[in-house]
Structures are given as structure tokens and as C-alpha cells.
PDB file of N, CA and C in Angstrom:
ATOM      1  N   MET A   1      16.964  16.747  17.509  1.00  0.00           N
ATOM      2  CA  MET A   1      17.108  16.184  16.175  1.00  0.00           C
ATOM      3  C   MET A   1      15.762  15.635  15.722  1.00  0.00           C
ATOM      4  N   THR A   2      15.326  16.034  14.544  1.00  0.00           N
ATOM      5  CA  THR A   2      14.073  15.528  14.006  1.00  0.00           C
ATOM      6  C   THR A   2      14.352  14.361  13.074  1.00  0.00           C
ATOM      7  N   HIS A   3      13.426  13.443  13.073  1.00  0.00           N
ATOM      8  CA  HIS A   3      13.552  12.275  12.202  1.00  0.00           C
ATOM      9  C   HIS A   3      12.680  12.484  10.973  1.00  0.00           C
ATOM     10  N   PRO A   4      13.188  12.148   9.816  1.00  0.00           N
ATOM     11  CA  PRO A   4      12.359  12.282   8.617  1.00  0.00           C
ATOM     12  C   PRO A   4      11.163  11.344   8.695  1.00  0.00           C
ATOM     13  N   LYS A   5      10.068  11.790   8.111  1.00  0.00           N
ATOM     14  CA  LYS A   5       8.856  10.973   8.092  1.00  0.00           C
ATOM     15  C   LYS A   5       9.085   9.728   7.249  1.00  0.00           C
ATOM     16  N   LYS A   6       8.623   8.602   7.768  1.00  0.00           N
ATOM     17  CA  LYS A   6       8.740   7.354   7.022  1.00  0.00           C
ATOM     18  C   LYS A   6       7.721   7.333   5.889  1.00  0.00           C
ATOM     19  N   PRO A   7       8.092   6.783   4.750  1.00  0.00           N
ATOM     20  CA  PRO A   7       7.131   6.657   3.645  1.00  0.00           C
ATOM     21  C   PRO A   7       5.920   5.819   4.062  1.00  0.00           C
ATOM     22  N   GLU A   8       4.759   6.219   3.582  1.00  0.00           N
ATOM     23  CA  GLU A   8       3.514   5.491   3.830  1.00  0.00           C
ATOM     24  C   GLU A   8       3.403   4.363   2.806  1.00  0.00           C
ATOM     25  N   VAL A   9       3.336   3.126   3.292  1.00  0.00           N
ATOM     26  CA  VAL A   9       3.285   1.942   2.424  1.00  0.00           C
ATOM     27  C   VAL A   9       1.962   1.218   2.666  1.00  0.00           C
ATOM     28  N   PHE A  10       1.277   0.877   1.585  1.00  0.00           N
ATOM     29  CA  PHE A  10       0.050   0.096   1.692  1.00  0.00           C
ATOM     30  C   PHE A  10       0.294  -1.271   1.067  1.00  0.00           C
ATOM     31  N   VAL A  11       0.020  -2.330   1.842  1.00  0.00           N
ATOM     32  CA  VAL A  11       0.207  -3.717   1.395  1.00  0.00           C
ATOM     33  C   VAL A  11      -1.177  -4.314   1.170  1.00  0.00           C
ATOM     34  N   THR A  12      -1.440  -4.751  -0.059  1.00  0.00           N
ATOM     35  CA  THR A  12      -2.797  -5.168  -0.419  1.00  0.00           C
ATOM     36  C   THR A  12      -3.204  -6.539   0.102  1.00  0.00           C
ATOM     37  N   ARG A  13      -2.256  -7.428   0.348  1.00  0.00           N
ATOM     38  CA  ARG A  13      -2.577  -8.776   0.842  1.00  0.00           C
ATOM     39  C   ARG A  13      -1.528  -9.214   1.846  1.00  0.00           C
ATOM     40  N   LYS A  14      -1.823 -10.270   2.563  1.00  0.00           N
ATOM     41  CA  LYS A  14      -0.934 -10.800   3.588  1.00  0.00           C
ATOM     42  C   LYS A  14       0.384 -11.251   2.968  1.00  0.00           C
ATOM     43  N   LEU A  15       1.472 -10.885   3.637  1.00  0.00           N
ATOM     44  CA  LEU A  15       2.813 -11.324   3.255  1.00  0.00           C
ATOM     45  C   LEU A  15       3.380 -12.168   4.388  1.00  0.00           C
ATOM     46  N   PRO A  16       4.466 -12.880   4.162  1.00  0.00           N
ATOM     47  CA  PRO A  16       5.063 -13.655   5.255  1.00  0.00           C
ATOM     48  C   PRO A  16       5.375 -12.740   6.454  1.00  0.00           C
ATOM     49  N   ALA A  17       5.157 -13.254   7.651  1.00  0.00           N
ATOM     50  CA  ALA A  17       5.324 -12.461   8.875  1.00  0.00           C
ATOM     51  C   ALA A  17       6.679 -11.757   8.963  1.00  0.00           C
ATOM     52  N   PRO A  18       7.790 -12.416   8.634  1.00  0.00           N
ATOM     53  CA  PRO A  18       9.073 -11.699   8.711  1.00  0.00           C
ATOM     54  C   PRO A  18       9.150 -10.504   7.753  1.00  0.00           C
ATOM     55  N   VAL A  19       8.514 -10.621   6.600  1.00  0.00           N
ATOM     56  CA  VAL A  19       8.514  -9.525   5.620  1.00  0.00           C
ATOM     57  C   VAL A  19       7.696  -8.359   6.167  1.00  0.00           C
ATOM     58  N   GLU A  20       6.514  -8.653   6.698  1.00  0.00           N
ATOM     59  CA  GLU A  20       5.679  -7.597   7.261  1.00  0.00           C
ATOM     60  C   GLU A  20       6.383  -6.922   8.440  1.00  0.00           C
ATOM     61  N   ALA A  21       7.027  -7.708   9.293  1.00  0.00           N
ATOM     62  CA  ALA A  21       7.728  -7.150  10.455  1.00  0.00           C
ATOM     63  C   ALA A  21       8.850  -6.209  10.016  1.00  0.00           C
ATOM     64  N   ARG A  22       9.618  -6.607   9.038  1.00  0.00           N
ATOM     65  CA  ARG A  22      10.724  -5.769   8.565  1.00  0.00           C
ATOM     66  C   ARG A  22      10.199  -4.495   7.899  1.00  0.00           C
ATOM     67  N   MET A  23       9.131  -4.637   7.134  1.00  0.00           N
ATOM     68  CA  MET A  23       8.543  -3.452   6.507  1.00  0.00           C
ATOM     69  C   MET A  23       8.083  -2.459   7.571  1.00  0.00           C
ATOM     70  N   GLN A  24       7.513  -2.961   8.668  1.00  0.00           N
ATOM     71  CA  GLN A  24       7.030  -2.087   9.729  1.00  0.00           C
ATOM     72  C   GLN A  24       8.186  -1.395  10.454  1.00  0.00           C
ATOM     73  N   GLU A  25       9.359  -1.991  10.450  1.00  0.00           N
ATOM     74  CA  GLU A  25      10.538  -1.340  11.026  1.00  0.00           C
ATOM     75  C   GLU A  25      10.988  -0.165  10.157  1.00  0.00           C
ATOM     76  N   LEU A  26      10.879  -0.319   8.859  1.00  0.00           N
ATOM     77  CA  LEU A  26      11.425   0.659   7.921  1.00  0.00           C
ATOM     78  C   LEU A  26      10.439   1.733   7.472  1.00  0.00           C
ATOM     79  N   PHE A  27       9.150   1.402   7.459  1.00  0.00           N
ATOM     80  CA  PHE A  27       8.143   2.273   6.877  1.00  0.00           C
ATOM     81  C   PHE A  27       6.945   2.422   7.808  1.00  0.00           C
ATOM     82  N   SER A  28       6.095   3.355   7.478  1.00  0.00           N
ATOM     83  CA  SER A  28       4.778   3.445   8.108  1.00  0.00           C
ATOM     84  C   SER A  28       3.861   2.590   7.233  1.00  0.00           C
ATOM     85  N   VAL A  29       3.483   1.425   7.736  1.00  0.00           N
ATOM     86  CA  VAL A  29       2.816   0.414   6.907  1.00  0.00           C
ATOM     87  C   VAL A  29       1.358   0.255   7.296  1.00  0.00           C
ATOM     88  N   GLU A  30       0.500   0.201   6.279  1.00  0.00           N
ATOM     89  CA  GLU A  30      -0.900  -0.157   6.461  1.00  0.00           C
ATOM     90  C   GLU A  30      -1.097  -1.509   5.788  1.00  0.00           C
ATOM     91  N   LEU A  31      -1.511  -2.485   6.587  1.00  0.00           N
ATOM     92  CA  LEU A  31      -1.703  -3.849   6.081  1.00  0.00           C
ATOM     93  C   LEU A  31      -3.187  -4.128   5.869  1.00  0.00           C
ATOM     94  N   ASN A  32      -3.489  -4.948   4.910  1.00  0.00           N
ATOM     95  CA  ASN A  32      -4.846  -5.452   4.698  1.00  0.00           C
ATOM     96  C   ASN A  32      -4.988  -6.645   5.641  1.00  0.00           C
ATOM     97  N   ARG A  33      -5.372  -6.370   6.867  1.00  0.00           N
ATOM     98  CA  ARG A  33      -5.423  -7.408   7.917  1.00  0.00           C
ATOM     99  C   ARG A  33      -6.441  -8.508   7.612  1.00  0.00           C
ATOM    100  N   ASP A  34      -7.474  -8.182   6.832  1.00  0.00           N
ATOM    101  CA  ASP A  34      -8.484  -9.192   6.481  1.00  0.00           C
ATOM    102  C   ASP A  34      -7.978 -10.154   5.421  1.00  0.00           C
ATOM    103  N   ASP A  35      -6.907  -9.780   4.727  1.00  0.00           N
ATOM    104  CA  ASP A  35      -6.321 -10.593   3.657  1.00  0.00           C
ATOM    105  C   ASP A  35      -7.379 -11.060   2.657  1.00  0.00           C
ATOM    106  N   ARG A  36      -8.187 -10.128   2.226  1.00  0.00           N
ATOM    107  CA  ARG A  36      -9.197 -10.407   1.200  1.00  0.00           C
ATOM    108  C   ARG A  36      -8.941  -9.475   0.034  1.00  0.00           C
ATOM    109  N   PRO A  37      -9.372  -9.859  -1.149  1.00  0.00           N
ATOM    110  CA  PRO A  37      -9.205  -8.954  -2.283  1.00  0.00           C
ATOM    111  C   PRO A  37      -9.924  -7.628  -2.014  1.00  0.00           C
ATOM    112  N   LEU A  38      -9.262  -6.542  -2.312  1.00  0.00           N
ATOM    113  CA  LEU A  38      -9.862  -5.228  -2.128  1.00  0.00           C
ATOM    114  C   LEU A  38     -10.771  -4.895  -3.302  1.00  0.00           C
ATOM    115  N   THR A  39     -11.822  -4.157  -3.009  1.00  0.00           N
ATOM    116  CA  THR A  39     -12.674  -3.675  -4.095  1.00  0.00           C
ATOM    117  C   THR A  39     -11.897  -2.602  -4.855  1.00  0.00           C
ATOM    118  N   ARG A  40     -12.373  -2.264  -6.005  1.00  0.00           N
ATOM    119  CA  ARG A  40     -11.730  -1.220  -6.803  1.00  0.00           C
ATOM    120  C   ARG A  40     -11.709   0.103  -6.029  1.00  0.00           C
ATOM    121  N   ASP A  41     -12.802   0.424  -5.348  1.00  0.00           N
ATOM    122  CA  ASP A  41     -12.863   1.662  -4.568  1.00  0.00           C
ATOM    123  C   ASP A  41     -11.869   1.639  -3.396  1.00  0.00           C
ATOM    124  N   GLU A  42     -11.748   0.497  -2.731  1.00  0.00           N
ATOM    125  CA  GLU A  42     -10.794   0.383  -1.617  1.00  0.00           C
ATOM    126  C   GLU A  42      -9.360   0.529  -2.123  1.00  0.00           C
ATOM    127  N   LEU A  43      -9.080  -0.077  -3.245  1.00  0.00           N
ATOM    128  CA  LEU A  43      -7.745   0.020  -3.829  1.00  0.00           C
ATOM    129  C   LEU A  43      -7.452   1.463  -4.244  1.00  0.00           C
ATOM    130  N   ALA A  44      -8.422   2.132  -4.845  1.00  0.00           N
ATOM    131  CA  ALA A  44      -8.244   3.535  -5.236  1.00  0.00           C
ATOM    132  C   ALA A  44      -8.008   4.409  -4.014  1.00  0.00           C
ATOM    133  N   ALA A  45      -8.736   4.163  -2.938  1.00  0.00           N
ATOM    134  CA  ALA A  45      -8.559   4.946  -1.708  1.00  0.00           C
ATOM    135  C   ALA A  45      -7.162   4.739  -1.134  1.00  0.00           C
ATOM    136  N   ALA A  46      -6.696   3.506  -1.126  1.00  0.00           N
ATOM    137  CA  ALA A  46      -5.350   3.217  -0.622  1.00  0.00           C
ATOM    138  C   ALA A  46      -4.297   3.903  -1.472  1.00  0.00           C
ATOM    139  N   MET A  47      -4.490   3.869  -2.776  1.00  0.00           N
ATOM    140  CA  MET A  47      -3.531   4.491  -3.689  1.00  0.00           C
ATOM    141  C   MET A  47      -3.522   6.013  -3.544  1.00  0.00           C
ATOM    142  N   SER A  48      -4.629   6.585  -3.101  1.00  0.00           N
ATOM    143  CA  SER A  48      -4.703   8.042  -2.972  1.00  0.00           C
ATOM    144  C   SER A  48      -3.922   8.552  -1.770  1.00  0.00           C
ATOM    145  N   ARG A  49      -3.652   7.682  -0.782  1.00  0.00           N
ATOM    146  CA  ARG A  49      -2.977   8.139   0.433  1.00  0.00           C
ATOM    147  C   ARG A  49      -1.583   7.551   0.632  1.00  0.00           C
ATOM    148  N   ALA A  50      -1.148   6.662  -0.240  1.00  0.00           N
ATOM    149  CA  ALA A  50       0.130   5.975  -0.050  1.00  0.00           C
ATOM    150  C   ALA A  50       1.259   6.604  -0.842  1.00  0.00           C
ATOM    151  N   ASP A  51       2.474   6.410  -0.321  1.00  0.00           N
ATOM    152  CA  ASP A  51       3.684   6.752  -1.081  1.00  0.00           C
ATOM    153  C   ASP A  51       4.122   5.551  -1.914  1.00  0.00           C
ATOM    154  N   VAL A  52       3.842   4.360  -1.389  1.00  0.00           N
ATOM    155  CA  VAL A  52       4.249   3.104  -2.024  1.00  0.00           C
ATOM    156  C   VAL A  52       3.089   2.119  -1.922  1.00  0.00           C
ATOM    157  N   LEU A  53       2.803   1.450  -3.017  1.00  0.00           N
ATOM    158  CA  LEU A  53       1.794   0.397  -3.030  1.00  0.00           C
ATOM    159  C   LEU A  53       2.504  -0.928  -3.252  1.00  0.00           C
ATOM    160  N   VAL A  54       2.183  -1.911  -2.406  1.00  0.00           N
ATOM    161  CA  VAL A  54       2.740  -3.262  -2.561  1.00  0.00           C
ATOM    162  C   VAL A  54       1.570  -4.172  -2.934  1.00  0.00           C
ATOM    163  N   PRO A  55       1.324  -4.328  -4.242  1.00  0.00           N
ATOM    164  CA  PRO A  55       0.215  -5.164  -4.694  1.00  0.00           C
ATOM    165  C   PRO A  55       0.652  -6.622  -4.872  1.00  0.00           C
ATOM    166  N   THR A  56      -0.335  -7.454  -5.129  1.00  0.00           N
ATOM    167  CA  THR A  56      -0.059  -8.843  -5.475  1.00  0.00           C
ATOM    168  C   THR A  56      -0.603  -9.096  -6.880  1.00  0.00           C
ATOM    169  N   LEU A  57      -0.330 -10.272  -7.389  1.00  0.00           N
ATOM    170  CA  LEU A  57      -0.755 -10.611  -8.754  1.00  0.00           C
ATOM    171  C   LEU A  57      -2.263 -10.583  -8.936  1.00  0.00           C
ATOM    172  N   THR A  58      -3.015 -10.763  -7.867  1.00  0.00           N
ATOM    173  CA  THR A  58      -4.472 -10.810  -7.988  1.00  0.00           C
ATOM    174  C   THR A  58      -5.114  -9.432  -8.038  1.00  0.00           C
ATOM    175  N   ASP A  59      -4.364  -8.377  -7.723  1.00  0.00           N
ATOM    176  CA  ASP A  59      -4.917  -7.024  -7.753  1.00  0.00           C
ATOM    177  C   ASP A  59      -5.109  -6.567  -9.202  1.00  0.00           C
ATOM    178  N   GLN A  60      -6.282  -6.064  -9.480  1.00  0.00           N
ATOM    179  CA  GLN A  60      -6.624  -5.588 -10.824  1.00  0.00           C
ATOM    180  C   GLN A  60      -6.297  -4.095 -10.907  1.00  0.00           C
ATOM    181  N   ILE A  61      -5.095  -3.777 -11.340  1.00  0.00           N
ATOM    182  CA  ILE A  61      -4.658  -2.386 -11.445  1.00  0.00           C
ATOM    183  C   ILE A  61      -4.494  -2.057 -12.922  1.00  0.00           C
ATOM    184  N   ASP A  62      -5.298  -1.094 -13.375  1.00  0.00           N
ATOM    185  CA  ASP A  62      -5.244  -0.708 -14.779  1.00  0.00           C
ATOM    186  C   ASP A  62      -4.911   0.782 -14.901  1.00  0.00           C
ATOM    187  N   LYS A  63      -4.874   1.258 -16.119  1.00  0.00           N
ATOM    188  CA  LYS A  63      -4.513   2.644 -16.393  1.00  0.00           C
ATOM    189  C   LYS A  63      -5.431   3.623 -15.662  1.00  0.00           C
ATOM    190  N   ALA A  64      -6.718   3.365 -15.688  1.00  0.00           N
ATOM    191  CA  ALA A  64      -7.679   4.267 -15.043  1.00  0.00           C
ATOM    192  C   ALA A  64      -7.423   4.361 -13.537  1.00  0.00           C
ATOM    193  N   LEU A  65      -7.105   3.255 -12.916  1.00  0.00           N
ATOM    194  CA  LEU A  65      -6.829   3.251 -11.480  1.00  0.00           C
ATOM    195  C   LEU A  65      -5.519   3.986 -11.184  1.00  0.00           C
ATOM    196  N   ILE A  66      -4.534   3.768 -12.006  1.00  0.00           N
ATOM    197  CA  ILE A  66      -3.243   4.457 -11.826  1.00  0.00           C
ATOM    198  C   ILE A  66      -3.435   5.960 -11.984  1.00  0.00           C
ATOM    199  N   GLU A  67      -4.253   6.382 -12.911  1.00  0.00           N
ATOM    200  CA  GLU A  67      -4.491   7.812 -13.115  1.00  0.00           C
ATOM    201  C   GLU A  67      -5.170   8.467 -11.926  1.00  0.00           C
ATOM    202  N   LYS A  68      -5.867   7.687 -11.102  1.00  0.00           N
ATOM    203  CA  LYS A  68      -6.530   8.209  -9.901  1.00  0.00           C
ATOM    204  C   LYS A  68      -5.605   8.233  -8.690  1.00  0.00           C
ATOM    205  N   ALA A  69      -4.418   7.685  -8.821  1.00  0.00           N
ATOM    206  CA  ALA A  69      -3.496   7.612  -7.688  1.00  0.00           C
ATOM    207  C   ALA A  69      -3.182   9.000  -7.164  1.00  0.00           C
ATOM    208  N   GLY A  70      -2.909   9.064  -5.889  1.00  0.00           N
ATOM    209  CA  GLY A  70      -2.557  10.337  -5.284  1.00  0.00           C
ATOM    210  C   GLY A  70      -1.218  10.846  -5.801  1.00  0.00           C
ATOM    211  N   PRO A  71      -0.949  12.109  -5.567  1.00  0.00           N
ATOM    212  CA  PRO A  71       0.281  12.717  -6.075  1.00  0.00           C
ATOM    213  C   PRO A  71       1.556  12.104  -5.497  1.00  0.00           C
ATOM    214  N   ARG A  72       1.470  11.537  -4.310  1.00  0.00           N
ATOM    215  CA  ARG A  72       2.657  10.928  -3.701  1.00  0.00           C
ATOM    216  C   ARG A  72       3.011   9.607  -4.375  1.00  0.00           C
ATOM    217  N   LEU A  73       2.010   8.911  -4.910  1.00  0.00           N
ATOM    218  CA  LEU A  73       2.235   7.607  -5.527  1.00  0.00           C
ATOM    219  C   LEU A  73       2.610   7.733  -6.999  1.00  0.00           C
ATOM    220  N   SER A  74       2.187   8.805  -7.635  1.00  0.00           N
ATOM    221  CA  SER A  74       2.437   8.975  -9.069  1.00  0.00           C
ATOM    222  C   SER A  74       3.892   9.103  -9.405  1.00  0.00           C
TER     223      SER A  74
END
């Protein structure tokens, strides 16, 4: 029996430990372990490879950045 691939989730900033733990159970999660604001290029790179983006209020996401998102995120 094959298991379906878990969605790739990118989390831009630190979340409460129980939330991160549960997300890691359900998804293939990439965390911003440094918990620092990402540069525009870093955010664009994350968006190009993720199925789901979990941003915070401090992330500067505009139309131009959304248009650069990978096909899985669009």
C-alpha cells in the first residue's frame, strides 16, 4: 500500500510548539528555525516550492510576489 505524499508546508515564523508539532504530524513542514523576517527573495523561494504557505502579519506579501509563486501554491 502506498501512502499519498503529504503537502509541502512552509511556515515563515515560529509558532507555538504544539502547533508546529501537530503540523509536522500532518504535513511535510519546513520551518523558519531562525525565526527572523525572511527577505523578499527567501519568501519568493519558499513560495516557489510549497503547496501551502503559513505567513504571519509581518510578512510583506504583495501581488508581484504572489504572481511569482510556484504552480503548486497558485
